[in-house]
Structures are given as C-alpha cells and as structure tokens.
Amino acid sequence: MRKFIIMLIIALSSLLMANDIVWKTLPNGMEVAVKENDSNESVGFFAFVKTGSVNEGDYLGAGISHYLEHVVSSGTTKMRTEAEYQQIARDIGAIVNAYTTYGLTAFHVITENSSSDLALEILSEQLQYCAIDSFEVAREKSVILKEIVMRSTPAPAKVRQRWQELVFPNSNRKYPVIGYTNLFKTITRDELEDYYKQRYAPNNIIFVAVGNFEAEEMMDKISNTFSGFERKQINPAYLPIQNVRVGEMEFVE
C-alpha cells in the first residue's frame, strides 16, 4: 500500500510539471487531459468516474459505488478473464488499483511507457466491457463485508462516522462510502450491472494520461480507443443542501 501511495504521488505530481496540458472533450462527452513528462520512462492512465457514495440514489448507505469498484477493477470483461488481466499486469510490471470517495470512483494503471498501449487497453476495457461476473461479485461481497468490520470496529472509526452523521445531518455525506452492513448485503448482481450501465458512461468520466509520450499522438490513441463508447443520459442524483454550521459545536454521547 505504501509503495502504491508513493507511486501515485509521483505520477500525479508529474501532471503538474513539464509541458502544458492538452485538453479535449471527445464527441461522446468524455473529458480527456494529456500531459507529457519526459523526466522518466513511465506512463500513467487515470479514469475518474463521476459517481461516488453521494450519487447512489435509491442505494444511499449501501456502498454500491465502492462495491462496483471492486468488481470492475481488473475483473473479468467481455474481452478477457480476470486471470488474464492479472497476468498482463505482472508481465508489464504495472501498478493497477482503484478507490472510491464521496464524489467519484477512480481507476489507474501505471507502467513503463513501452507498455502504454496495453495499459490503455486494459483500463478502457474495464470501463466499457465489465462482465459483472457472478463468482467475482460473490467473492468481493465477502471481501467487503470483512472490510466493513475492519473499518467500523475500531473506536476512532466509530467516532469519525458519528462525527460525519452529526456534521452533515441533511447531506448524503452522512453515509459511509463503504456502506452499512445491512444495506450492503441486499445489493444483487443485477443491481450492480444496472448501476454500471447507468453511471459508467463516457460523458460521466474524466480520463487523464501523463508520461513520456507525445501529447497529440496520445490524445489520438485515447480518442480512437473510446470511439465506440456511446454517451448516455445520466440521471442526476438528489443532493440535499447542507447548511453551513457556524461557531463551535459540542456533542457528548
């Protein structure tokens, strides 16, 4: 985990260095940012899906965004199996990971620039063709249930969650990103697939590439890779307004 954090910091820091960023909105609505950085031989691809725990609608508090992140990240697609993706990542020495926050779900692949075409292919297939494999859905449910216990049992975690509920009583941020156990258990494989089809759309994604490449050439590759990814109607999630609290607040429980 420490190695992953260090590599991610290095990769994102490089986004703020070197040459100008090339921005483009593809015909399907995907926003793309590309930046050259020739200070090393690496390349990183980052996809930010604009859906997190606050955007879950009928699934608020269930953690469906985080659940789907587990299934999508390096999972089986209509193009390859999970084992094939894992082998490819090992072969090219790639760092592949994902995370979910209140407002987004992010995926990334970082590797040497000589493997950039394959890394781009991996991430694009995850975003477009996830199979929502039943075995992987069941397995990840078990993994996340353990994760919920691990995250919610320590006293500091309980205090943090209670603080979130008290500070944001009207906001969707009062719900934990990972979800409550009783609600999380109710999510089905079909609901995951439906949520994937609703929210994973090019016009709901920001795609970033940074590394040792020619910016315009990389922009063309990304455009071609996602040319068949059709835009969708994104139903807006209800986000209640949370009034700003002023002054001090003390709560004893």
Protein backbone atom coordinates (compact mmCIF):
# COMPACT_ATOMS: atom_id res chain seq x y z
CA MET A 1 0.00 0.00 0.00
CA ARG A 2 2.84 2.37 0.88
CA LYS A 3 4.52 1.68 -2.47
CA PHE A 4 1.23 2.34 -4.26
CA ILE A 5 0.74 5.69 -2.49
CA ILE A 6 4.30 6.79 -3.29
CA MET A 7 3.96 5.85 -6.96
CA LEU A 8 0.58 7.57 -7.21
CA ILE A 9 2.01 10.78 -5.69
CA ILE A 10 4.92 10.69 -8.13
CA ALA A 11 2.63 10.12 -11.09
CA LEU A 12 0.16 12.87 -10.15
CA SER A 13 2.97 15.27 -9.28
CA SER A 14 4.35 14.82 -12.76
CA LEU A 15 0.98 16.04 -14.05
CA LEU A 16 1.80 19.45 -12.61
CA MET A 17 5.28 19.59 -14.14
CA ALA A 18 6.84 19.70 -17.59
CA ASN A 19 4.77 20.76 -20.61
CA ASP A 20 1.28 22.19 -20.96
CA ILE A 21 -1.78 20.02 -20.55
CA VAL A 22 -3.70 19.16 -23.71
CA TRP A 23 -7.45 19.15 -23.07
CA LYS A 24 -10.19 17.74 -25.28
CA THR A 25 -13.83 16.72 -24.99
CA LEU A 26 -14.48 13.73 -27.22
CA PRO A 27 -17.67 13.54 -29.34
CA ASN A 28 -19.12 11.08 -26.79
CA GLY A 29 -18.65 13.62 -23.98
CA MET A 30 -15.58 12.12 -22.30
CA GLU A 31 -13.22 14.79 -20.99
CA VAL A 32 -9.57 13.95 -21.66
CA ALA A 33 -6.42 15.60 -20.28
CA VAL A 34 -3.00 14.60 -21.61
CA LYS A 35 0.37 15.81 -20.37
CA GLU A 36 3.89 15.00 -21.44
CA ASN A 37 6.59 14.32 -18.88
CA ASP A 38 9.97 13.13 -20.15
CA SER A 39 11.68 13.14 -16.75
CA ASN A 40 11.29 9.34 -16.56
CA GLU A 41 10.18 6.35 -18.64
CA SER A 42 6.77 5.82 -17.04
CA VAL A 43 3.20 6.46 -18.11
CA GLY A 44 0.03 6.62 -16.09
CA PHE A 45 -3.62 6.40 -17.13
CA PHE A 46 -6.29 7.61 -14.69
CA ALA A 47 -10.06 7.35 -15.11
CA PHE A 48 -12.30 9.35 -12.79
CA VAL A 49 -15.91 8.22 -12.95
CA LYS A 50 -18.07 10.99 -11.53
CA THR A 51 -20.09 8.79 -9.24
CA GLY A 52 -19.41 8.11 -5.56
CA SER A 53 -21.35 7.34 -2.42
CA VAL A 54 -23.32 10.63 -2.53
CA ASN A 55 -24.65 9.80 -6.02
CA GLU A 56 -26.20 6.42 -5.20
CA GLY A 57 -29.85 7.46 -5.19
CA ASP A 58 -32.00 4.51 -4.08
CA TYR A 59 -28.83 2.79 -2.84
CA LEU A 60 -27.74 5.51 -0.42
CA GLY A 61 -25.92 3.97 2.51
CA ALA A 62 -25.41 0.64 0.72
CA GLY A 63 -21.96 1.37 -0.72
CA ILE A 64 -22.81 0.23 -4.25
CA SER A 65 -20.22 2.56 -5.86
CA HIS A 66 -17.44 1.01 -3.78
CA TYR A 67 -18.77 -2.50 -4.41
CA LEU A 68 -18.78 -1.89 -8.17
CA GLU A 69 -15.23 -0.51 -7.99
CA HIS A 70 -14.07 -3.86 -6.58
CA VAL A 71 -15.81 -5.78 -9.37
CA VAL A 72 -14.69 -3.51 -12.22
CA SER A 73 -11.03 -3.12 -11.21
CA SER A 74 -9.13 -5.84 -13.12
CA GLY A 75 -12.24 -8.02 -13.12
CA THR A 76 -13.49 -10.18 -15.97
CA THR A 77 -14.76 -8.29 -19.00
CA LYS A 78 -16.33 -9.36 -22.28
CA MET A 79 -12.81 -9.27 -23.73
CA ARG A 80 -10.64 -11.12 -21.16
CA THR A 81 -10.79 -13.00 -17.89
CA GLU A 82 -9.67 -11.67 -14.53
CA ALA A 83 -6.69 -14.06 -14.60
CA GLU A 84 -5.60 -12.70 -17.99
CA TYR A 85 -5.66 -9.11 -16.71
CA GLN A 86 -3.65 -10.11 -13.67
CA GLN A 87 -1.07 -11.86 -15.86
CA ILE A 88 -0.79 -8.86 -18.19
CA ALA A 89 -0.21 -6.56 -15.22
CA ARG A 90 2.56 -8.85 -13.95
CA ASP A 91 4.14 -9.12 -17.40
CA ILE A 92 4.39 -5.34 -17.86
CA GLY A 93 5.13 -4.58 -14.20
CA ALA A 94 2.06 -2.38 -13.87
CA ILE A 95 0.56 -0.87 -10.75
CA VAL A 96 -3.21 -1.34 -11.10
CA ASN A 97 -5.56 -0.04 -8.43
CA ALA A 98 -8.77 1.85 -7.70
CA TYR A 99 -10.57 3.74 -4.95
CA THR A 100 -13.96 5.27 -4.17
CA THR A 101 -14.76 8.55 -2.42
CA TYR A 102 -17.93 10.51 -1.71
CA GLY A 103 -17.95 12.04 -5.19
CA LEU A 104 -16.04 9.75 -7.56
CA THR A 105 -14.69 6.30 -8.37
CA ALA A 106 -11.13 6.28 -9.70
CA PHE A 107 -9.07 3.68 -11.56
CA HIS A 108 -5.47 3.80 -12.66
CA VAL A 109 -2.75 1.85 -14.43
CA ILE A 110 0.89 2.94 -14.11
CA THR A 111 3.68 1.24 -16.07
CA GLU A 112 6.67 1.83 -18.38
CA ASN A 113 5.90 3.86 -21.49
CA SER A 114 6.89 0.90 -23.71
CA SER A 115 3.71 -0.82 -22.44
CA SER A 116 1.45 2.22 -22.73
CA ASP A 117 -0.76 0.79 -25.49
CA LEU A 118 -1.52 -2.32 -23.44
CA ALA A 119 -2.12 -0.30 -20.26
CA LEU A 120 -4.58 1.95 -22.09
CA GLU A 121 -6.31 -1.11 -23.49
CA ILE A 122 -6.70 -2.66 -20.02
CA LEU A 123 -8.29 0.41 -18.48
CA SER A 124 -10.57 1.09 -21.44
CA GLU A 125 -11.91 -2.46 -21.35
CA GLN A 126 -12.68 -2.24 -17.64
CA LEU A 127 -14.65 0.96 -18.15
CA GLN A 128 -16.63 -0.29 -21.14
CA TYR A 129 -16.99 -4.06 -21.01
CA CYS A 130 -17.13 -5.29 -17.40
CA ALA A 131 -18.95 -8.64 -17.33
CA ILE A 132 -20.06 -8.33 -13.67
CA ASP A 133 -19.03 -11.97 -13.25
CA SER A 134 -21.24 -13.75 -10.67
CA PHE A 135 -18.33 -15.53 -8.97
CA GLU A 136 -16.37 -12.28 -8.62
CA VAL A 137 -19.47 -10.45 -7.36
CA ALA A 138 -19.94 -13.04 -4.59
CA ARG A 139 -16.26 -13.10 -3.73
CA GLU A 140 -15.95 -9.32 -3.49
CA LYS A 141 -19.09 -9.16 -1.33
CA SER A 142 -17.31 -11.41 1.17
CA VAL A 143 -14.16 -9.28 0.95
CA ILE A 144 -16.05 -6.03 1.54
CA LEU A 145 -18.03 -7.44 4.47
CA LYS A 146 -14.72 -8.11 6.19
CA GLU A 147 -13.54 -4.64 5.18
CA ILE A 148 -16.64 -3.06 6.74
CA VAL A 149 -15.91 -4.83 10.04
CA MET A 150 -12.27 -3.76 9.88
CA ARG A 151 -13.19 -0.14 9.16
CA SER A 152 -16.12 0.25 11.56
CA THR A 153 -15.00 -1.68 14.63
CA PRO A 154 -12.09 0.49 15.95
CA ALA A 155 -13.19 3.27 18.31
CA PRO A 156 -11.63 6.07 16.18
CA ALA A 157 -13.61 4.83 13.18
CA LYS A 158 -16.84 4.88 15.18
CA VAL A 159 -16.13 8.44 16.35
CA ARG A 160 -15.30 9.54 12.79
CA GLN A 161 -18.52 8.10 11.37
CA ARG A 162 -20.63 9.57 14.18
CA TRP A 163 -18.99 12.94 13.56
CA GLN A 164 -19.89 12.65 9.86
CA GLU A 165 -23.54 11.98 10.74
CA LEU A 166 -23.70 14.93 13.16
CA VAL A 167 -21.92 17.47 10.96
CA PHE A 168 -23.78 16.51 7.77
CA PRO A 169 -27.27 15.53 9.01
CA ASN A 170 -29.02 16.58 5.78
CA SER A 171 -26.28 15.68 3.33
CA ASN A 172 -25.61 12.42 1.53
CA ARG A 173 -22.13 12.64 3.04
CA LYS A 174 -23.51 11.34 6.31
CA TYR A 175 -23.43 7.82 4.86
CA PRO A 176 -20.13 5.86 4.91
CA VAL A 177 -18.58 5.35 1.48
CA ILE A 178 -18.28 1.62 2.11
CA GLY A 179 -21.91 1.39 3.24
CA TYR A 180 -23.79 -0.05 6.21
CA THR A 181 -23.67 -3.83 6.55
CA ASN A 182 -27.44 -4.42 6.48
CA LEU A 183 -27.90 -2.34 3.32
CA PHE A 184 -24.76 -3.60 1.59
CA LYS A 185 -25.90 -7.22 1.96
CA THR A 186 -29.05 -6.51 -0.08
CA ILE A 187 -27.21 -5.49 -3.27
CA THR A 188 -27.67 -8.06 -6.06
CA ARG A 189 -25.58 -8.84 -9.10
CA ASP A 190 -28.31 -7.42 -11.40
CA GLU A 191 -28.37 -4.15 -9.42
CA LEU A 192 -24.60 -3.84 -9.82
CA GLU A 193 -24.93 -4.35 -13.56
CA ASP A 194 -27.74 -1.80 -13.79
CA TYR A 195 -25.73 0.76 -11.80
CA TYR A 196 -22.70 0.11 -14.04
CA LYS A 197 -24.75 0.71 -17.17
CA GLN A 198 -26.27 3.88 -15.70
CA ARG A 199 -23.18 5.59 -14.31
CA TYR A 200 -20.19 4.32 -16.32
CA ALA A 201 -20.71 6.48 -19.37
CA PRO A 202 -18.09 8.50 -21.31
CA ASN A 203 -19.94 11.75 -20.57
CA ASN A 204 -19.58 10.93 -16.87
CA ILE A 205 -15.81 10.26 -16.98
CA ILE A 206 -12.65 12.35 -16.90
CA PHE A 207 -9.69 10.48 -18.41
CA VAL A 208 -6.10 11.56 -17.72
CA ALA A 209 -2.83 10.38 -19.29
CA VAL A 210 0.59 11.56 -18.15
CA GLY A 211 4.03 10.30 -19.04
CA ASN A 212 6.83 10.02 -21.54
CA PHE A 213 4.96 10.27 -24.85
CA GLU A 214 3.98 12.80 -27.50
CA ALA A 215 0.81 14.52 -26.28
CA GLU A 216 -1.09 14.86 -29.55
CA GLU A 217 -0.26 11.29 -30.54
CA MET A 218 -1.52 10.01 -27.19
CA MET A 219 -4.69 12.10 -27.49
CA ASP A 220 -5.38 10.43 -30.84
CA LYS A 221 -4.86 6.97 -29.31
CA ILE A 222 -7.26 7.71 -26.48
CA SER A 223 -9.85 9.13 -28.90
CA ASN A 224 -9.66 6.01 -31.06
CA THR A 225 -9.77 3.66 -28.05
CA PHE A 226 -13.01 5.17 -26.76
CA SER A 227 -14.60 5.99 -30.14
CA GLY A 228 -17.20 3.22 -29.75
CA PHE A 229 -18.07 4.14 -26.16
CA GLU A 230 -21.53 5.69 -26.54
CA ARG A 231 -22.72 8.53 -24.35
CA LYS A 232 -25.75 8.01 -22.13
CA GLN A 233 -28.39 10.00 -20.35
CA ILE A 234 -27.12 10.43 -16.79
CA ASN A 235 -29.97 10.78 -14.34
CA PRO A 236 -28.98 13.40 -11.76
CA ALA A 237 -28.70 12.26 -8.16
CA TYR A 238 -30.56 14.20 -5.49
CA LEU A 239 -28.02 16.07 -3.35
CA PRO A 240 -29.73 17.76 -0.39
CA ILE A 241 -28.36 21.14 0.61
CA GLN A 242 -26.42 21.10 3.87
CA ASN A 243 -26.48 24.42 5.69
CA VAL A 244 -23.07 25.61 6.90
CA ARG A 245 -22.69 25.47 10.67
CA VAL A 246 -21.11 28.49 12.34
CA GLY A 247 -19.41 28.67 15.70
CA GLU A 248 -18.45 25.74 17.90
CA MET A 249 -20.41 22.56 18.43
CA GLU A 250 -20.02 20.04 21.23
CA PHE A 251 -21.71 16.68 21.37
CA VAL A 252 -21.40 14.12 24.14
CA GLU A 253 -22.65 10.57 23.68
